[in-house]
Amino acid sequence: MVIYTRDAEADRVFFRDVLGLAHVDAGHGWLIFKAPPAEFAFHPAEGEPSHELMLMCDDVETTMAELGEQGVEFTRPLTEARWGRVTGFRLPGGGEIGLYEPRHPRAHDV
């Protein structure tokens, strides 16, 4: 997975220091991060298809509080969807990542 951004250094610092993801230094300013467990879901699209990156958590309210204490800007209110509780937050480089607490069975549980 590659995330394109207006400020790669700021986003690297965010993933390293705020999200606390393990990483390796690949040299020349590149930090390669170990991704948390991931799942892929495919949904029908109206119009041009797009992709969305969302991080899963066990308790979205607790995670929001922890990130908020570190100055993370949430871009949308916590909403209830039939598949989970969802919000989103801004990356320093201008991008947005979703955050959700799933209500569906998790692929990592199989």
Protein backbone atom coordinates (compact mmCIF):
# COMPACT_ATOMS: atom_id res chain seq x y z
CA MET A 1 0.00 0.00 0.00
CA VAL A 2 1.34 3.45 -0.89
CA ILE A 3 -0.20 6.63 0.48
CA TYR A 4 0.36 9.72 -1.65
CA THR A 5 0.52 12.96 0.32
CA ARG A 6 1.44 16.64 0.12
CA ASP A 7 3.78 16.24 3.12
CA ALA A 8 5.30 12.77 3.29
CA GLU A 9 7.62 13.63 6.18
CA ALA A 10 4.77 14.90 8.38
CA ASP A 11 2.69 11.81 7.62
CA ARG A 12 5.65 9.52 8.38
CA VAL A 13 6.08 11.24 11.76
CA PHE A 14 2.33 10.89 12.41
CA PHE A 15 2.30 7.14 11.67
CA ARG A 16 5.47 6.64 13.73
CA ASP A 17 4.81 8.90 16.73
CA VAL A 18 1.02 9.28 16.98
CA LEU A 19 -0.19 5.91 15.71
CA GLY A 20 2.91 4.15 17.03
CA LEU A 21 3.26 1.78 14.09
CA ALA A 22 6.41 -0.34 13.91
CA HIS A 23 8.65 0.59 10.99
CA VAL A 24 12.00 0.12 9.33
CA ASP A 25 14.19 2.88 7.95
CA ALA A 26 14.72 2.14 4.26
CA GLY A 27 17.10 5.10 3.87
CA HIS A 28 16.75 8.44 2.09
CA GLY A 29 13.92 9.49 4.42
CA TRP A 30 11.75 6.47 3.70
CA LEU A 31 10.09 4.75 6.65
CA ILE A 32 8.29 1.54 5.74
CA PHE A 33 5.53 0.72 8.23
CA LYS A 34 4.24 -2.62 9.41
CA ALA A 35 0.54 -2.51 8.67
CA PRO A 36 -1.92 -3.64 11.28
CA PRO A 37 -4.01 -6.67 10.31
CA ALA A 38 -5.91 -5.76 7.16
CA GLU A 39 -9.11 -6.81 5.47
CA PHE A 40 -10.33 -6.07 1.95
CA ALA A 41 -13.97 -5.47 1.10
CA PHE A 42 -15.43 -4.85 -2.34
CA HIS A 43 -18.50 -2.67 -2.77
CA PRO A 44 -20.38 -1.64 -5.91
CA ALA A 45 -19.58 1.90 -7.06
CA GLU A 46 -21.77 4.46 -8.72
CA GLY A 47 -19.63 6.48 -11.09
CA GLU A 48 -15.85 6.31 -11.07
CA PRO A 49 -14.54 3.78 -8.51
CA SER A 50 -12.37 5.05 -5.67
CA HIS A 51 -10.55 3.49 -2.72
CA GLU A 52 -10.71 4.27 0.96
CA LEU A 53 -8.27 3.43 3.73
CA MET A 54 -9.87 2.67 7.09
CA LEU A 55 -8.23 1.48 10.29
CA MET A 56 -10.20 -0.93 12.48
CA CYS A 57 -10.29 -0.67 16.25
CA ASP A 58 -12.01 -2.52 19.08
CA ASP A 59 -13.47 0.61 20.73
CA VAL A 60 -13.82 3.64 18.49
CA GLU A 61 -14.71 6.08 21.29
CA THR A 62 -11.62 5.15 23.32
CA THR A 63 -9.43 5.35 20.22
CA MET A 64 -10.89 8.76 19.32
CA ALA A 65 -10.17 10.02 22.84
CA GLU A 66 -6.57 8.76 22.72
CA LEU A 67 -5.95 10.30 19.30
CA GLY A 68 -7.71 13.53 20.30
CA GLU A 69 -5.34 13.88 23.27
CA GLN A 70 -2.51 13.90 20.72
CA GLY A 71 -4.13 16.68 18.68
CA VAL A 72 -5.62 14.54 15.91
CA GLU A 73 -8.28 16.44 13.93
CA PHE A 74 -11.42 14.40 13.26
CA THR A 75 -13.04 15.22 9.94
CA ARG A 76 -16.44 13.69 10.49
CA PRO A 77 -18.59 12.92 13.50
CA LEU A 78 -18.91 9.41 14.83
CA THR A 79 -21.76 7.78 12.93
CA GLU A 80 -23.59 4.51 13.25
CA ALA A 81 -23.62 2.40 10.09
CA ARG A 82 -25.17 -1.04 9.85
CA TRP A 83 -21.65 -2.49 9.49
CA GLY A 84 -19.95 -0.47 12.26
CA ARG A 85 -19.29 2.79 14.05
CA VAL A 86 -17.33 5.14 11.80
CA THR A 87 -15.37 8.39 11.88
CA GLY A 88 -12.41 9.83 10.01
CA PHE A 89 -9.34 11.89 10.79
CA ARG A 90 -6.99 14.20 8.93
CA LEU A 91 -3.37 13.33 8.21
CA PRO A 92 -0.82 16.16 8.48
CA GLY A 93 -0.20 15.87 4.72
CA GLY A 94 -3.84 16.62 3.93
CA GLY A 95 -5.22 13.12 3.41
CA GLU A 96 -7.96 11.48 5.41
CA ILE A 97 -8.15 8.02 6.95
CA GLY A 98 -11.29 6.37 8.23
CA LEU A 99 -11.52 4.76 11.64
CA TYR A 100 -14.15 2.22 12.53
CA GLU A 101 -15.31 -0.32 15.06
CA PRO A 102 -16.79 -3.17 13.02
CA ARG A 103 -20.08 -4.87 13.76
CA HIS A 104 -19.48 -7.52 11.11
CA PRO A 105 -17.52 -10.75 11.53
CA ARG A 106 -13.81 -10.06 11.13
CA ALA A 107 -11.78 -11.92 8.53
CA HIS A 108 -8.95 -12.20 11.07
CA ASP A 109 -11.18 -14.30 13.29
CA VAL A 110 -11.41 -17.12 10.70
